[in-house]
């Protein structure tokens, strides 16, 4: 496994925006982010396949946008109209192949996003 390098995150007021980035070398079927708030299970935020198909969690659809840089496979998550319920630790992940199970996903260390007035 290669390390996933994450950046971005931080604290912002409701309605604000943040941008996350994640880079890892090598090909992958899909990349993206999950998030986890205290006491909650990890939930999908957004993912994008090598062909550019994007998928979003229901709670962020229309507010977040995921993109991939084809040159180096870095991915970016633009988070707009942030709400307090978006608060949590955001984990970048890589799914190497379509048949890769969730337990085999590769994970970054996580970055904290806090939305509070």
Protein backbone atom coordinates (compact mmCIF):
# COMPACT_ATOMS: atom_id res chain seq x y z
CA UNK A 1 0.00 0.00 0.00
CA UNK A 2 1.10 3.53 -0.66
CA UNK A 3 0.35 6.35 1.74
CA UNK A 4 -2.60 8.61 1.04
CA UNK A 5 -1.63 12.24 1.53
CA UNK A 6 -4.52 14.42 2.65
CA UNK A 7 -4.77 18.17 3.06
CA UNK A 8 -7.42 20.77 3.68
CA UNK A 9 -10.14 20.79 6.27
CA UNK A 10 -10.36 23.06 9.29
CA UNK A 11 -13.04 25.16 10.93
CA UNK A 12 -15.64 27.25 9.17
CA UNK A 13 -18.94 28.95 9.94
CA UNK A 14 -22.22 27.56 8.61
CA UNK A 15 -22.69 28.48 4.99
CA UNK A 16 -18.95 28.56 4.37
CA UNK A 17 -16.77 26.48 2.09
CA UNK A 18 -13.77 24.22 2.44
CA UNK A 19 -11.68 22.18 0.06
CA UNK A 20 -10.07 18.81 0.70
CA UNK A 21 -7.44 17.14 -1.41
CA UNK A 22 -5.98 13.65 -1.44
CA UNK A 23 -3.19 12.13 -3.45
CA UNK A 24 -1.86 8.61 -3.79
CA UNK A 25 0.11 7.04 -6.56
CA UNK A 26 -1.09 4.12 -8.61
CA UNK A 27 -4.23 3.23 -10.49
CA UNK A 28 -7.53 2.70 -8.72
CA UNK A 29 -11.10 1.85 -9.64
CA UNK A 30 -12.42 4.59 -7.37
CA UNK A 31 -11.32 7.20 -4.84
CA UNK A 32 -13.17 9.48 -2.51
CA UNK A 33 -14.05 10.35 1.05
CA UNK A 34 -16.01 8.91 3.91
CA UNK A 35 -16.68 10.87 7.08
CA UNK A 36 -17.36 9.96 10.67
CA UNK A 37 -18.90 12.07 13.39
CA UNK A 38 -18.62 11.11 17.07
CA UNK A 39 -21.04 8.31 17.87
CA UNK A 40 -21.89 7.75 14.21
CA UNK A 41 -20.86 5.15 11.68
CA UNK A 42 -18.56 6.05 8.84
CA UNK A 43 -20.64 7.27 5.88
CA UNK A 44 -19.85 7.89 2.24
CA UNK A 45 -19.41 11.54 1.31
CA UNK A 46 -18.36 11.26 -2.31
CA UNK A 47 -16.49 9.00 -4.67
CA UNK A 48 -15.27 9.14 -8.23
CA UNK A 49 -14.26 6.31 -10.53
CA UNK A 50 -11.29 6.24 -12.89
CA UNK A 51 -13.75 6.95 -15.71
CA UNK A 52 -15.00 10.06 -13.92
CA UNK A 53 -18.34 8.82 -12.61
CA UNK A 54 -19.13 10.62 -9.37
CA UNK A 55 -21.36 9.43 -6.56
CA UNK A 56 -22.47 11.47 -3.53
CA UNK A 57 -24.01 10.78 -0.18
CA UNK A 58 -27.61 11.96 -0.02
CA UNK A 59 -26.91 14.62 2.61
CA UNK A 60 -24.22 16.38 0.54
CA UNK A 61 -25.71 16.10 -2.94
CA UNK A 62 -25.90 19.49 -4.60
CA UNK A 63 -23.49 21.10 -2.12
CA UNK A 64 -20.27 19.11 -2.55
CA UNK A 65 -18.33 18.43 -5.73
CA UNK A 66 -15.60 15.84 -6.25
CA UNK A 67 -13.07 16.06 -9.03
CA UNK A 68 -10.01 14.12 -10.14
CA UNK A 69 -6.80 15.32 -11.73
CA UNK A 70 -6.05 12.84 -14.49
CA UNK A 71 -2.38 13.75 -14.53
CA UNK A 72 -1.57 12.45 -11.06
CA UNK A 73 -4.86 10.99 -9.81
CA UNK A 74 -5.19 13.55 -7.04
CA UNK A 75 -8.77 14.12 -5.99
CA UNK A 76 -10.43 17.23 -4.64
CA UNK A 77 -13.61 17.77 -2.69
CA UNK A 78 -15.16 21.22 -2.85
CA UNK A 79 -17.57 21.58 0.06
CA UNK A 80 -20.04 24.46 -0.12
CA UNK A 81 -22.97 25.63 1.99
CA UNK A 82 -21.52 23.75 4.92
CA UNK A 83 -23.80 22.83 7.80
CA UNK A 84 -23.02 21.92 11.41
CA UNK A 85 -24.02 18.33 10.61
CA UNK A 86 -21.13 18.16 8.14
CA UNK A 87 -18.76 18.21 11.10
CA UNK A 88 -16.60 15.13 11.41
CA UNK A 89 -13.36 13.47 10.43
CA UNK A 90 -13.09 13.05 6.68
CA UNK A 91 -11.14 10.01 5.49
CA UNK A 92 -9.77 9.73 1.99
CA UNK A 93 -9.96 6.22 0.56
CA UNK A 94 -8.86 4.22 -2.46
CA UNK A 95 -10.69 1.23 -3.87
CA UNK A 96 -8.12 -0.42 -6.10
CA UNK A 97 -10.43 -2.65 -8.10
CA UNK A 98 -14.17 -3.06 -8.63
CA UNK A 99 -14.06 -6.34 -6.69
CA UNK A 100 -12.15 -4.80 -3.79
CA UNK A 101 -14.20 -5.20 -0.63
CA UNK A 102 -14.72 -2.40 1.89
CA UNK A 103 -12.39 -4.09 4.36
CA UNK A 104 -9.61 -3.85 1.76
CA UNK A 105 -9.98 -0.14 1.05
CA UNK A 106 -6.86 1.92 1.68
CA UNK A 107 -7.35 4.87 4.00
CA UNK A 108 -5.78 8.18 4.83
CA UNK A 109 -5.33 9.31 8.42
CA UNK A 110 -8.31 11.63 8.25
CA UNK A 111 -8.74 15.36 8.47
CA UNK A 112 -11.06 17.24 10.81
CA UNK A 113 -13.83 19.44 9.43
CA UNK A 114 -15.70 21.56 11.96
CA UNK A 115 -18.71 23.69 11.04
CA UNK A 116 -19.78 25.92 13.88
CA UNK A 117 -20.80 29.47 14.56
